[in-house]
């Protein structure tokens, strides 16, 4: 199924969960796709529109799981200096309590079918988008921006990270609890809802675990209005949200492209939009891995860097991804 989807000549292509879509038409029961995180900075994302939601001409539900594809990622270049420079600049900023610093790791290219087969089996929401035959943006997200069914909405707070098996330490970490609370408080304020759980829960995502809660509420308004109200949350930008977002646009040297932006399916009856993290951009020349870490004033730079690398390689590592400062 994945191989035939890749070989089909109709573009754009998009997949979300078990739904694989081909080609664009003028209207239909739903739209699928994603959008940019913020302003364009360079040519790497030129093939991707600012907003790539489209009505598919053909949609197929994956009937059986594809074989899981073991992958070993090999880094081509992985300069940690830009991350540490950004971290230092954040620590010197008097206006930011939190900034989510992202990083792009350049890897040797892999076969598209192997990458998609690998990602499909991760815990989370699988997504992929192909504007043409030479570019694929894909990933598997543990985070929901929002889900709407009628007037009932669900938003998720996901923040704080540890390796699988270190969950007791995560629950006790003052830094991670603070980082998580920033996200949850923002979502409660923007939605007017209440957290479902009294204390943070644990959410597993591949080789890592996160603190988790969700807010369920009744709402109204267009999907675009809710995207503008919620995106980017402090899980992808920081606190204060507006100032942190502007600081990242000014200071991050790379273009986030579609990384960290909403991706999913939209319709009148139901909309499900994930946050496009744990993601990759595959081109003929390289595989670009996007990841980030939520940094607060309690953060240790080396630990945040190691968290970024842990998210990037997701158990498929070959070589040394974690140079120290």
C-alpha atoms as a PDB file:
ATOM      1  CA  UNK A   1       0.000   0.000   0.000  1.00  0.00           C
ATOM      2  CA  UNK A   2       2.695   2.525   0.976  1.00  0.00           C
ATOM      3  CA  UNK A   3       4.835   1.633  -2.035  1.00  0.00           C
ATOM      4  CA  UNK A   4       1.948   2.017  -4.492  1.00  0.00           C
ATOM      5  CA  UNK A   5       0.993   5.335  -2.863  1.00  0.00           C
ATOM      6  CA  UNK A   6       4.551   6.580  -3.307  1.00  0.00           C
ATOM      7  CA  UNK A   7       4.676   5.490  -6.963  1.00  0.00           C
ATOM      8  CA  UNK A   8       1.369   7.079  -7.975  1.00  0.00           C
ATOM      9  CA  UNK A   9       1.807  10.100 -10.251  1.00  0.00           C
ATOM     10  CA  UNK A  10      -0.943  12.275  -8.741  1.00  0.00           C
ATOM     11  CA  UNK A  11       0.166  15.128  -6.474  1.00  0.00           C
ATOM     12  CA  UNK A  12      -0.170  16.422  -3.864  1.00  0.00           C
ATOM     13  CA  UNK A  13      -0.308  13.353  -1.657  1.00  0.00           C
ATOM     14  CA  UNK A  14      -1.065  13.262   2.033  1.00  0.00           C
ATOM     15  CA  UNK A  15      -1.563  10.649   4.729  1.00  0.00           C
ATOM     16  CA  UNK A  16      -2.902  10.915   8.253  1.00  0.00           C
ATOM     17  CA  UNK A  17      -3.305   7.886  10.461  1.00  0.00           C
ATOM     18  CA  UNK A  18      -4.566   5.062   8.228  1.00  0.00           C
ATOM     19  CA  UNK A  19      -5.918   7.405   5.541  1.00  0.00           C
ATOM     20  CA  UNK A  20      -3.805   7.801   2.375  1.00  0.00           C
ATOM     21  CA  UNK A  21      -4.903  10.432  -0.152  1.00  0.00           C
ATOM     22  CA  UNK A  22      -3.909  11.206  -3.751  1.00  0.00           C
ATOM     23  CA  UNK A  23      -4.376  14.227  -5.969  1.00  0.00           C
ATOM     24  CA  UNK A  24      -6.508  17.328  -5.577  1.00  0.00           C
ATOM     25  CA  UNK A  25     -10.063  18.095  -6.605  1.00  0.00           C
ATOM     26  CA  UNK A  26     -12.318  21.132  -6.223  1.00  0.00           C
ATOM     27  CA  UNK A  27     -14.533  19.900  -3.400  1.00  0.00           C
ATOM     28  CA  UNK A  28     -15.186  16.877  -1.204  1.00  0.00           C
ATOM     29  CA  UNK A  29     -16.234  15.657   2.233  1.00  0.00           C
ATOM     30  CA  UNK A  30     -12.940  16.607   3.904  1.00  0.00           C
ATOM     31  CA  UNK A  31      -9.586  18.320   3.506  1.00  0.00           C
ATOM     32  CA  UNK A  32      -6.219  16.848   4.453  1.00  0.00           C
ATOM     33  CA  UNK A  33      -2.809  18.490   4.791  1.00  0.00           C
ATOM     34  CA  UNK A  34      -0.762  20.895   6.825  1.00  0.00           C
ATOM     35  CA  UNK A  35       0.729  24.369   6.895  1.00  0.00           C
ATOM     36  CA  UNK A  36       3.832  26.389   7.682  1.00  0.00           C
ATOM     37  CA  UNK A  37       4.906  27.161  11.217  1.00  0.00           C
ATOM     38  CA  UNK A  38       5.916  30.735  10.423  1.00  0.00           C
ATOM     39  CA  UNK A  39       7.679  33.033   7.930  1.00  0.00           C
ATOM     40  CA  UNK A  40       9.811  31.511   5.172  1.00  0.00           C
ATOM     41  CA  UNK A  41      13.576  31.866   5.665  1.00  0.00           C
ATOM     42  CA  UNK A  42      15.216  29.865   2.885  1.00  0.00           C
ATOM     43  CA  UNK A  43      14.598  27.730  -0.202  1.00  0.00           C
ATOM     44  CA  UNK A  44      14.510  24.336   1.545  1.00  0.00           C
ATOM     45  CA  UNK A  45      10.723  24.455   1.832  1.00  0.00           C
ATOM     46  CA  UNK A  46       9.953  26.111  -1.535  1.00  0.00           C
ATOM     47  CA  UNK A  47       7.968  23.075  -2.754  1.00  0.00           C
ATOM     48  CA  UNK A  48       5.552  23.370   0.183  1.00  0.00           C
ATOM     49  CA  UNK A  49       2.728  25.927   0.196  1.00  0.00           C
ATOM     50  CA  UNK A  50       2.032  28.174   3.162  1.00  0.00           C
ATOM     51  CA  UNK A  51      -1.203  26.225   3.620  1.00  0.00           C
ATOM     52  CA  UNK A  52      -1.450  22.805   2.017  1.00  0.00           C
ATOM     53  CA  UNK A  53      -4.920  21.596   2.977  1.00  0.00           C
ATOM     54  CA  UNK A  54      -6.680  20.123  -0.061  1.00  0.00           C
ATOM     55  CA  UNK A  55      -9.706  18.063  -1.095  1.00  0.00           C
ATOM     56  CA  UNK A  56      -8.316  14.690  -2.253  1.00  0.00           C
ATOM     57  CA  UNK A  57      -9.516  13.124  -5.490  1.00  0.00           C
ATOM     58  CA  UNK A  58      -8.863   9.641  -4.066  1.00  0.00           C
ATOM     59  CA  UNK A  59      -8.682   8.377  -0.483  1.00  0.00           C
ATOM     60  CA  UNK A  60      -7.856   4.879   0.747  1.00  0.00           C
ATOM     61  CA  UNK A  61      -7.840   3.481   4.263  1.00  0.00           C
ATOM     62  CA  UNK A  62      -4.884   1.236   5.024  1.00  0.00           C
ATOM     63  CA  UNK A  63      -6.410  -2.199   5.536  1.00  0.00           C
ATOM     64  CA  UNK A  64      -3.381  -3.943   7.028  1.00  0.00           C
ATOM     65  CA  UNK A  65      -0.294  -2.757   8.843  1.00  0.00           C
ATOM     66  CA  UNK A  66       2.767  -2.401   6.627  1.00  0.00           C
ATOM     67  CA  UNK A  67       5.849  -4.304   7.782  1.00  0.00           C
ATOM     68  CA  UNK A  68       7.821  -2.411  10.386  1.00  0.00           C
ATOM     69  CA  UNK A  69      11.064  -1.178   8.874  1.00  0.00           C
ATOM     70  CA  UNK A  70      14.116  -0.972  11.135  1.00  0.00           C
ATOM     71  CA  UNK A  71      16.158   2.104  10.284  1.00  0.00           C
ATOM     72  CA  UNK A  72      19.622   3.238  11.236  1.00  0.00           C
ATOM     73  CA  UNK A  73      20.031   6.964  10.747  1.00  0.00           C
ATOM     74  CA  UNK A  74      23.507   8.242   9.913  1.00  0.00           C
ATOM     75  CA  UNK A  75      24.322  11.886  10.586  1.00  0.00           C
ATOM     76  CA  UNK A  76      25.962  13.873   7.770  1.00  0.00           C
ATOM     77  CA  UNK A  77      26.355  17.077   9.761  1.00  0.00           C
ATOM     78  CA  UNK A  78      25.087  17.792  13.237  1.00  0.00           C
ATOM     79  CA  UNK A  79      26.415  21.099  14.511  1.00  0.00           C
ATOM     80  CA  UNK A  80      25.518  21.595  18.152  1.00  0.00           C
ATOM     81  CA  UNK A  81      27.073  25.069  18.302  1.00  0.00           C
ATOM     82  CA  UNK A  82      23.947  26.821  16.978  1.00  0.00           C
ATOM     83  CA  UNK A  83      21.784  25.198  19.645  1.00  0.00           C
ATOM     84  CA  UNK A  84      24.100  26.165  22.489  1.00  0.00           C
ATOM     85  CA  UNK A  85      24.397  29.728  21.171  1.00  0.00           C
ATOM     86  CA  UNK A  86      20.600  30.004  21.098  1.00  0.00           C
ATOM     87  CA  UNK A  87      20.365  28.535  24.579  1.00  0.00           C
ATOM     88  CA  UNK A  88      22.799  31.149  25.908  1.00  0.00           C
ATOM     89  CA  UNK A  89      20.812  33.909  24.214  1.00  0.00           C
ATOM     90  CA  UNK A  90      17.609  32.594  25.782  1.00  0.00           C
ATOM     91  CA  UNK A  91      19.159  32.517  29.266  1.00  0.00           C
ATOM     92  CA  UNK A  92      20.193  36.158  28.820  1.00  0.00           C
ATOM     93  CA  UNK A  93      16.677  37.191  27.782  1.00  0.00           C
ATOM     94  CA  UNK A  94      14.802  38.918  30.579  1.00  0.00           C
ATOM     95  CA  UNK A  95      11.357  38.598  28.962  1.00  0.00           C
ATOM     96  CA  UNK A  96      11.131  34.838  28.353  1.00  0.00           C
ATOM     97  CA  UNK A  97      10.304  32.175  30.939  1.00  0.00           C
ATOM     98  CA  UNK A  98      10.398  29.406  28.322  1.00  0.00           C
ATOM     99  CA  UNK A  99      11.608  28.991  24.741  1.00  0.00           C
ATOM    100  CA  UNK A 100      11.275  25.857  22.636  1.00  0.00           C
ATOM    101  CA  UNK A 101      14.551  25.809  20.719  1.00  0.00           C
ATOM    102  CA  UNK A 102      14.442  23.635  17.625  1.00  0.00           C
ATOM    103  CA  UNK A 103      17.298  22.023  15.732  1.00  0.00           C
ATOM    104  CA  UNK A 104      17.769  20.496  12.275  1.00  0.00           C
ATOM    105  CA  UNK A 105      19.980  17.404  12.045  1.00  0.00           C
ATOM    106  CA  UNK A 106      21.159  16.566   8.527  1.00  0.00           C
ATOM    107  CA  UNK A 107      21.178  12.803   7.903  1.00  0.00           C
ATOM    108  CA  UNK A 108      22.080  10.589   5.003  1.00  0.00           C
ATOM    109  CA  UNK A 109      18.974  10.019   2.816  1.00  0.00           C
ATOM    110  CA  UNK A 110      17.013   6.787   3.200  1.00  0.00           C
ATOM    111  CA  UNK A 111      14.402   5.071   1.052  1.00  0.00           C
ATOM    112  CA  UNK A 112      11.015   6.768   1.339  1.00  0.00           C
ATOM    113  CA  UNK A 113       9.161   3.486   1.808  1.00  0.00           C
ATOM    114  CA  UNK A 114      11.503   2.516   4.649  1.00  0.00           C
ATOM    115  CA  UNK A 115      11.116   5.864   6.406  1.00  0.00           C
ATOM    116  CA  UNK A 116       7.321   5.785   6.177  1.00  0.00           C
ATOM    117  CA  UNK A 117       7.187   2.154   7.270  1.00  0.00           C
ATOM    118  CA  UNK A 118       9.390   3.001  10.255  1.00  0.00           C
ATOM    119  CA  UNK A 119       7.318   6.022  11.289  1.00  0.00           C
ATOM    120  CA  UNK A 120       3.960   4.294  10.842  1.00  0.00           C
ATOM    121  CA  UNK A 121       4.731   1.952  13.739  1.00  0.00           C
ATOM    122  CA  UNK A 122       5.692   4.655  16.250  1.00  0.00           C
ATOM    123  CA  UNK A 123       3.233   5.581  19.007  1.00  0.00           C
ATOM    124  CA  UNK A 124       1.246   8.601  17.897  1.00  0.00           C
ATOM    125  CA  UNK A 125      -0.423  10.068  14.817  1.00  0.00           C
ATOM    126  CA  UNK A 126       1.328   9.202  11.574  1.00  0.00           C
ATOM    127  CA  UNK A 127       1.395  11.929   8.918  1.00  0.00           C
ATOM    128  CA  UNK A 128       2.990  12.504   5.516  1.00  0.00           C
ATOM    129  CA  UNK A 129       2.772  15.066   2.709  1.00  0.00           C
ATOM    130  CA  UNK A 130       4.313  14.991  -0.776  1.00  0.00           C
ATOM    131  CA  UNK A 131       4.019  18.136  -2.923  1.00  0.00           C
ATOM    132  CA  UNK A 132       6.075  16.435  -5.672  1.00  0.00           C
ATOM    133  CA  UNK A 133       8.187  13.347  -6.286  1.00  0.00           C
ATOM    134  CA  UNK A 134      11.330  14.784  -4.666  1.00  0.00           C
ATOM    135  CA  UNK A 135      10.065  15.953  -1.267  1.00  0.00           C
ATOM    136  CA  UNK A 136       8.317  14.188   1.599  1.00  0.00           C
ATOM    137  CA  UNK A 137       7.465  15.748   4.954  1.00  0.00           C
ATOM    138  CA  UNK A 138       6.512  13.042   7.435  1.00  0.00           C
ATOM    139  CA  UNK A 139       6.493  12.068  11.071  1.00  0.00           C
ATOM    140  CA  UNK A 140       4.548  10.585  13.946  1.00  0.00           C
ATOM    141  CA  UNK A 141       3.239  13.077  16.467  1.00  0.00           C
ATOM    142  CA  UNK A 142       2.400  12.450  20.133  1.00  0.00           C
ATOM    143  CA  UNK A 143       0.599  15.800  20.383  1.00  0.00           C
ATOM    144  CA  UNK A 144      -2.888  16.929  19.368  1.00  0.00           C
ATOM    145  CA  UNK A 145      -3.459  20.637  18.709  1.00  0.00           C
ATOM    146  CA  UNK A 146      -7.203  20.138  18.821  1.00  0.00           C
ATOM    147  CA  UNK A 147      -9.966  17.766  17.867  1.00  0.00           C
ATOM    148  CA  UNK A 148     -13.472  19.019  17.211  1.00  0.00           C
ATOM    149  CA  UNK A 149     -16.636  16.959  16.809  1.00  0.00           C
ATOM    150  CA  UNK A 150     -19.631  19.222  16.559  1.00  0.00           C
ATOM    151  CA  UNK A 151     -19.117  21.747  19.353  1.00  0.00           C
ATOM    152  CA  UNK A 152     -17.027  19.431  21.560  1.00  0.00           C
ATOM    153  CA  UNK A 153     -13.309  20.169  21.556  1.00  0.00           C
ATOM    154  CA  UNK A 154     -10.267  18.375  22.960  1.00  0.00           C
ATOM    155  CA  UNK A 155      -6.826  19.957  23.290  1.00  0.00           C
ATOM    156  CA  UNK A 156      -3.721  18.263  24.686  1.00  0.00           C
ATOM    157  CA  UNK A 157      -0.904  19.500  26.904  1.00  0.00           C
ATOM    158  CA  UNK A 158       2.264  17.489  26.204  1.00  0.00           C
ATOM    159  CA  UNK A 159       5.581  18.657  27.673  1.00  0.00           C
ATOM    160  CA  UNK A 160       8.530  17.418  29.704  1.00  0.00           C
ATOM    161  CA  UNK A 161      10.565  14.485  28.420  1.00  0.00           C
ATOM    162  CA  UNK A 162      12.460  11.462  29.707  1.00  0.00           C
ATOM    163  CA  UNK A 163      13.727   8.167  28.354  1.00  0.00           C
ATOM    164  CA  UNK A 164      11.304   5.277  28.648  1.00  0.00           C
ATOM    165  CA  UNK A 165      11.802   3.825  32.126  1.00  0.00           C
ATOM    166  CA  UNK A 166      12.642   7.137  33.850  1.00  0.00           C
ATOM    167  CA  UNK A 167       9.036   8.230  34.414  1.00  0.00           C
ATOM    168  CA  UNK A 168       9.333   8.519  38.249  1.00  0.00           C
ATOM    169  CA  UNK A 169      12.172  11.014  37.771  1.00  0.00           C
ATOM    170  CA  UNK A 170      10.107  12.919  35.213  1.00  0.00           C
ATOM    171  CA  UNK A 171       7.202  13.238  37.648  1.00  0.00           C
ATOM    172  CA  UNK A 172       9.583  14.591  40.297  1.00  0.00           C
ATOM    173  CA  UNK A 173      11.462  17.014  38.027  1.00  0.00           C
ATOM    174  CA  UNK A 174      10.730  20.627  38.988  1.00  0.00           C
ATOM    175  CA  UNK A 175      11.952  21.831  35.590  1.00  0.00           C
ATOM    176  CA  UNK A 176       9.697  19.463  33.642  1.00  0.00           C
ATOM    177  CA  UNK A 177       6.699  20.100  35.866  1.00  0.00           C
ATOM    178  CA  UNK A 178       7.158  23.843  35.387  1.00  0.00           C
ATOM    179  CA  UNK A 179       7.522  23.467  31.610  1.00  0.00           C
ATOM    180  CA  UNK A 180       4.391  21.328  31.463  1.00  0.00           C
ATOM    181  CA  UNK A 181       2.374  23.722  33.618  1.00  0.00           C
ATOM    182  CA  UNK A 182       3.129  26.606  31.262  1.00  0.00           C
ATOM    183  CA  UNK A 183       1.495  24.644  28.442  1.00  0.00           C
ATOM    184  CA  UNK A 184      -1.523  23.517  30.447  1.00  0.00           C
ATOM    185  CA  UNK A 185      -2.196  27.003  31.858  1.00  0.00           C
ATOM    186  CA  UNK A 186      -2.054  28.489  28.342  1.00  0.00           C
ATOM    187  CA  UNK A 187      -4.585  25.974  26.998  1.00  0.00           C
ATOM    188  CA  UNK A 188      -6.954  26.512  29.927  1.00  0.00           C
ATOM    189  CA  UNK A 189      -6.757  30.283  29.459  1.00  0.00           C
ATOM    190  CA  UNK A 190      -7.296  30.138  25.677  1.00  0.00           C
ATOM    191  CA  UNK A 191     -10.178  27.631  25.777  1.00  0.00           C
ATOM    192  CA  UNK A 192     -11.937  28.364  29.059  1.00  0.00           C
ATOM    193  CA  UNK A 193     -11.993  24.634  29.757  1.00  0.00           C
ATOM    194  CA  UNK A 194     -10.735  22.560  32.680  1.00  0.00           C
ATOM    195  CA  UNK A 195      -8.020  19.885  32.801  1.00  0.00           C
ATOM    196  CA  UNK A 196      -9.391  16.363  32.633  1.00  0.00           C
ATOM    197  CA  UNK A 197      -6.924  15.027  35.245  1.00  0.00           C
ATOM    198  CA  UNK A 198      -5.992  16.597  38.584  1.00  0.00           C
ATOM    199  CA  UNK A 199      -2.319  15.720  38.151  1.00  0.00           C
ATOM    200  CA  UNK A 200      -0.137  15.164  35.065  1.00  0.00           C
ATOM    201  CA  UNK A 201      -0.320  11.757  33.430  1.00  0.00           C
ATOM    202  CA  UNK A 202       2.421   9.897  31.538  1.00  0.00           C
ATOM    203  CA  UNK A 203       2.258   9.589  27.747  1.00  0.00           C
ATOM    204  CA  UNK A 204       4.616   7.203  25.946  1.00  0.00           C
ATOM    205  CA  UNK A 205       5.957   8.243  22.545  1.00  0.00           C
ATOM    206  CA  UNK A 206       8.430   5.829  21.035  1.00  0.00           C
ATOM    207  CA  UNK A 207      11.601   5.823  23.087  1.00  0.00           C
ATOM    208  CA  UNK A 208      10.527   8.724  25.318  1.00  0.00           C
ATOM    209  CA  UNK A 209       7.746   9.626  27.744  1.00  0.00           C
ATOM    210  CA  UNK A 210       6.068  12.974  28.386  1.00  0.00           C
ATOM    211  CA  UNK A 211       3.865  14.627  30.982  1.00  0.00           C
ATOM    212  CA  UNK A 212       0.324  14.810  29.655  1.00  0.00           C
ATOM    213  CA  UNK A 213      -3.126  16.204  30.319  1.00  0.00           C
ATOM    214  CA  UNK A 214      -6.006  17.297  28.154  1.00  0.00           C
ATOM    215  CA  UNK A 215      -8.719  19.929  28.247  1.00  0.00           C
ATOM    216  CA  UNK A 216     -12.243  19.119  27.039  1.00  0.00           C
ATOM    217  CA  UNK A 217     -14.635  21.996  26.398  1.00  0.00           C
ATOM    218  CA  UNK A 218     -17.588  23.238  24.369  1.00  0.00           C
ATOM    219  CA  UNK A 219     -16.662  25.791  21.735  1.00  0.00           C
ATOM    220  CA  UNK A 220     -17.705  27.564  18.570  1.00  0.00           C
ATOM    221  CA  UNK A 221     -16.011  29.209  15.630  1.00  0.00           C
ATOM    222  CA  UNK A 222     -14.124  28.150  12.531  1.00  0.00           C
ATOM    223  CA  UNK A 223     -11.167  25.783  12.511  1.00  0.00           C
ATOM    224  CA  UNK A 224      -9.001  28.635  11.210  1.00  0.00           C
ATOM    225  CA  UNK A 225     -10.028  30.776  14.165  1.00  0.00           C
ATOM    226  CA  UNK A 226      -9.030  28.033  16.624  1.00  0.00           C
ATOM    227  CA  UNK A 227      -5.733  27.469  14.844  1.00  0.00           C
ATOM    228  CA  UNK A 228      -4.967  31.174  15.220  1.00  0.00           C
ATOM    229  CA  UNK A 229      -6.014  31.089  18.871  1.00  0.00           C
ATOM    230  CA  UNK A 230      -3.946  28.054  19.848  1.00  0.00           C
ATOM    231  CA  UNK A 231      -0.972  27.811  17.451  1.00  0.00           C
ATOM    232  CA  UNK A 232       1.804  27.815  18.409  1.00  0.00           C
ATOM    233  CA  UNK A 233       1.225  26.626  21.948  1.00  0.00           C
ATOM    234  CA  UNK A 234       4.000  27.030  24.554  1.00  0.00           C
ATOM    235  CA  UNK A 235       4.936  23.404  23.773  1.00  0.00           C
ATOM    236  CA  UNK A 236       6.300  24.657  20.416  1.00  0.00           C
ATOM    237  CA  UNK A 237       7.092  28.329  21.092  1.00  0.00           C
ATOM    238  CA  UNK A 238       7.409  29.356  24.738  1.00  0.00           C
ATOM    239  CA  UNK A 239       6.186  31.772  27.398  1.00  0.00           C
ATOM    240  CA  UNK A 240       5.043  34.486  26.949  1.00  0.00           C
ATOM    241  CA  UNK A 241       3.677  32.956  23.771  1.00  0.00           C
ATOM    242  CA  UNK A 242       3.753  36.023  21.524  1.00  0.00           C
ATOM    243  CA  UNK A 243       7.170  37.218  22.653  1.00  0.00           C
ATOM    244  CA  UNK A 244       8.685  33.728  22.520  1.00  0.00           C
ATOM    245  CA  UNK A 245       7.350  33.128  19.000  1.00  0.00           C
ATOM    246  CA  UNK A 246       8.787  36.422  17.761  1.00  0.00           C
ATOM    247  CA  UNK A 247      12.123  35.695  19.476  1.00  0.00           C
ATOM    248  CA  UNK A 248      12.357  32.308  17.739  1.00  0.00           C
ATOM    249  CA  UNK A 249      11.562  33.833  14.335  1.00  0.00           C
ATOM    250  CA  UNK A 250      14.368  36.358  14.855  1.00  0.00           C
ATOM    251  CA  UNK A 251      16.980  34.019  16.298  1.00  0.00           C
ATOM    252  CA  UNK A 252      16.617  30.485  14.957  1.00  0.00           C
ATOM    253  CA  UNK A 253      18.946  30.207  11.944  1.00  0.00           C
ATOM    254  CA  UNK A 254      16.873  27.602  10.096  1.00  0.00           C
ATOM    255  CA  UNK A 255      13.418  27.551   8.559  1.00  0.00           C
ATOM    256  CA  UNK A 256      10.982  25.408  10.550  1.00  0.00           C
ATOM    257  CA  UNK A 257       8.841  24.966   7.450  1.00  0.00           C
ATOM    258  CA  UNK A 258       5.930  22.671   8.304  1.00  0.00           C
ATOM    259  CA  UNK A 259       7.635  21.384  11.456  1.00  0.00           C
ATOM    260  CA  UNK A 260       5.577  22.087  14.581  1.00  0.00           C
ATOM    261  CA  UNK A 261       2.538  23.349  12.656  1.00  0.00           C
ATOM    262  CA  UNK A 262      -0.976  21.852  12.471  1.00  0.00           C
ATOM    263  CA  UNK A 263      -1.413  18.760  10.277  1.00  0.00           C
ATOM    264  CA  UNK A 264      -4.486  16.600   9.874  1.00  0.00           C
ATOM    265  CA  UNK A 265      -8.019  16.282   8.515  1.00  0.00           C
ATOM    266  CA  UNK A 266     -10.695  18.978   8.436  1.00  0.00           C
ATOM    267  CA  UNK A 267     -14.424  18.678   7.722  1.00  0.00           C
ATOM    268  CA  UNK A 268     -17.693  20.280   8.778  1.00  0.00           C
ATOM    269  CA  UNK A 269     -18.513  17.340  11.055  1.00  0.00           C
ATOM    270  CA  UNK A 270     -15.104  16.632  12.602  1.00  0.00           C
ATOM    271  CA  UNK A 271     -11.580  18.032  12.559  1.00  0.00           C
ATOM    272  CA  UNK A 272      -8.439  16.395  13.950  1.00  0.00           C
ATOM    273  CA  UNK A 273      -5.214  18.407  13.863  1.00  0.00           C
ATOM    274  CA  UNK A 274      -1.972  17.057  15.263  1.00  0.00           C
ATOM    275  CA  UNK A 275       1.153  19.109  15.897  1.00  0.00           C
ATOM    276  CA  UNK A 276       3.699  18.064  13.255  1.00  0.00           C
ATOM    277  CA  UNK A 277       6.629  17.191  15.510  1.00  0.00           C
ATOM    278  CA  UNK A 278       9.031  14.185  15.522  1.00  0.00           C
ATOM    279  CA  UNK A 279       9.214  14.984  11.836  1.00  0.00           C
ATOM    280  CA  UNK A 280      11.489  14.649   8.818  1.00  0.00           C
ATOM    281  CA  UNK A 281      11.920  16.285   5.440  1.00  0.00           C
ATOM    282  CA  UNK A 282      13.273  13.805   2.898  1.00  0.00           C
ATOM    283  CA  UNK A 283      14.907  15.044  -0.312  1.00  0.00           C
ATOM    284  CA  UNK A 284      17.086  13.214  -2.854  1.00  0.00           C
ATOM    285  CA  UNK A 285      20.228  14.587  -1.193  1.00  0.00           C
ATOM    286  CA  UNK A 286      19.494  14.439   2.533  1.00  0.00           C
ATOM    287  CA  UNK A 287      17.103  13.597   5.319  1.00  0.00           C
ATOM    288  CA  UNK A 288      16.443  16.573   7.592  1.00  0.00           C
ATOM    289  CA  UNK A 289      15.320  15.679  11.104  1.00  0.00           C
ATOM    290  CA  UNK A 290      13.487  18.352  13.089  1.00  0.00           C
ATOM    291  CA  UNK A 291      13.237  18.307  16.856  1.00  0.00           C
ATOM    292  CA  UNK A 292      13.139  20.706  19.777  1.00  0.00           C
ATOM    293  CA  UNK A 293      13.455  21.078  23.521  1.00  0.00           C
ATOM    294  CA  UNK A 294      11.505  23.270  25.901  1.00  0.00           C
ATOM    295  CA  UNK A 295      14.076  25.358  27.750  1.00  0.00           C
ATOM    296  CA  UNK A 296      13.318  27.196  30.985  1.00  0.00           C
ATOM    297  CA  UNK A 297      15.541  29.120  33.361  1.00  0.00           C
ATOM    298  CA  UNK A 298      15.992  25.852  35.283  1.00  0.00           C
ATOM    299  CA  UNK A 299      17.335  24.032  32.184  1.00  0.00           C
ATOM    300  CA  UNK A 300      20.794  22.529  31.763  1.00  0.00           C
ATOM    301  CA  UNK A 301      21.979  23.007  28.154  1.00  0.00           C
ATOM    302  CA  UNK A 302      23.651  19.613  27.754  1.00  0.00           C
ATOM    303  CA  UNK A 303      20.525  17.803  28.972  1.00  0.00           C
ATOM    304  CA  UNK A 304      18.327  19.764  26.563  1.00  0.00           C
ATOM    305  CA  UNK A 305      20.665  18.910  23.688  1.00  0.00           C
ATOM    306  CA  UNK A 306      20.579  15.235  24.593  1.00  0.00           C
ATOM    307  CA  UNK A 307      16.767  15.407  24.669  1.00  0.00           C
ATOM    308  CA  UNK A 308      16.738  16.778  21.115  1.00  0.00           C
ATOM    309  CA  UNK A 309      18.963  13.964  19.909  1.00  0.00           C
ATOM    310  CA  UNK A 310      16.886  11.356  21.734  1.00  0.00           C
ATOM    311  CA  UNK A 311      13.780  12.567  19.890  1.00  0.00           C
ATOM    312  CA  UNK A 312      15.554  12.721  16.527  1.00  0.00           C
ATOM    313  CA  UNK A 313      16.998   9.246  16.384  1.00  0.00           C
ATOM    314  CA  UNK A 314      14.155   7.372  18.104  1.00  0.00           C
ATOM    315  CA  UNK A 315      16.232   4.230  18.473  1.00  0.00           C
ATOM    316  CA  UNK A 316      17.507   4.250  14.879  1.00  0.00           C
ATOM    317  CA  UNK A 317      20.969   5.640  15.523  1.00  0.00           C
ATOM    318  CA  UNK A 318      24.226   4.952  13.771  1.00  0.00           C
ATOM    319  CA  UNK A 319      27.188   7.058  14.822  1.00  0.00           C
ATOM    320  CA  UNK A 320      27.565   9.663  17.568  1.00  0.00           C
ATOM    321  CA  UNK A 321      24.769  12.258  17.546  1.00  0.00           C
ATOM    322  CA  UNK A 322      25.491  13.937  20.871  1.00  0.00           C
ATOM    323  CA  UNK A 323      28.682  15.976  20.816  1.00  0.00           C
ATOM    324  CA  UNK A 324      29.154  17.835  24.051  1.00  0.00           C
ATOM    325  CA  UNK A 325      29.605  21.544  24.302  1.00  0.00           C
END
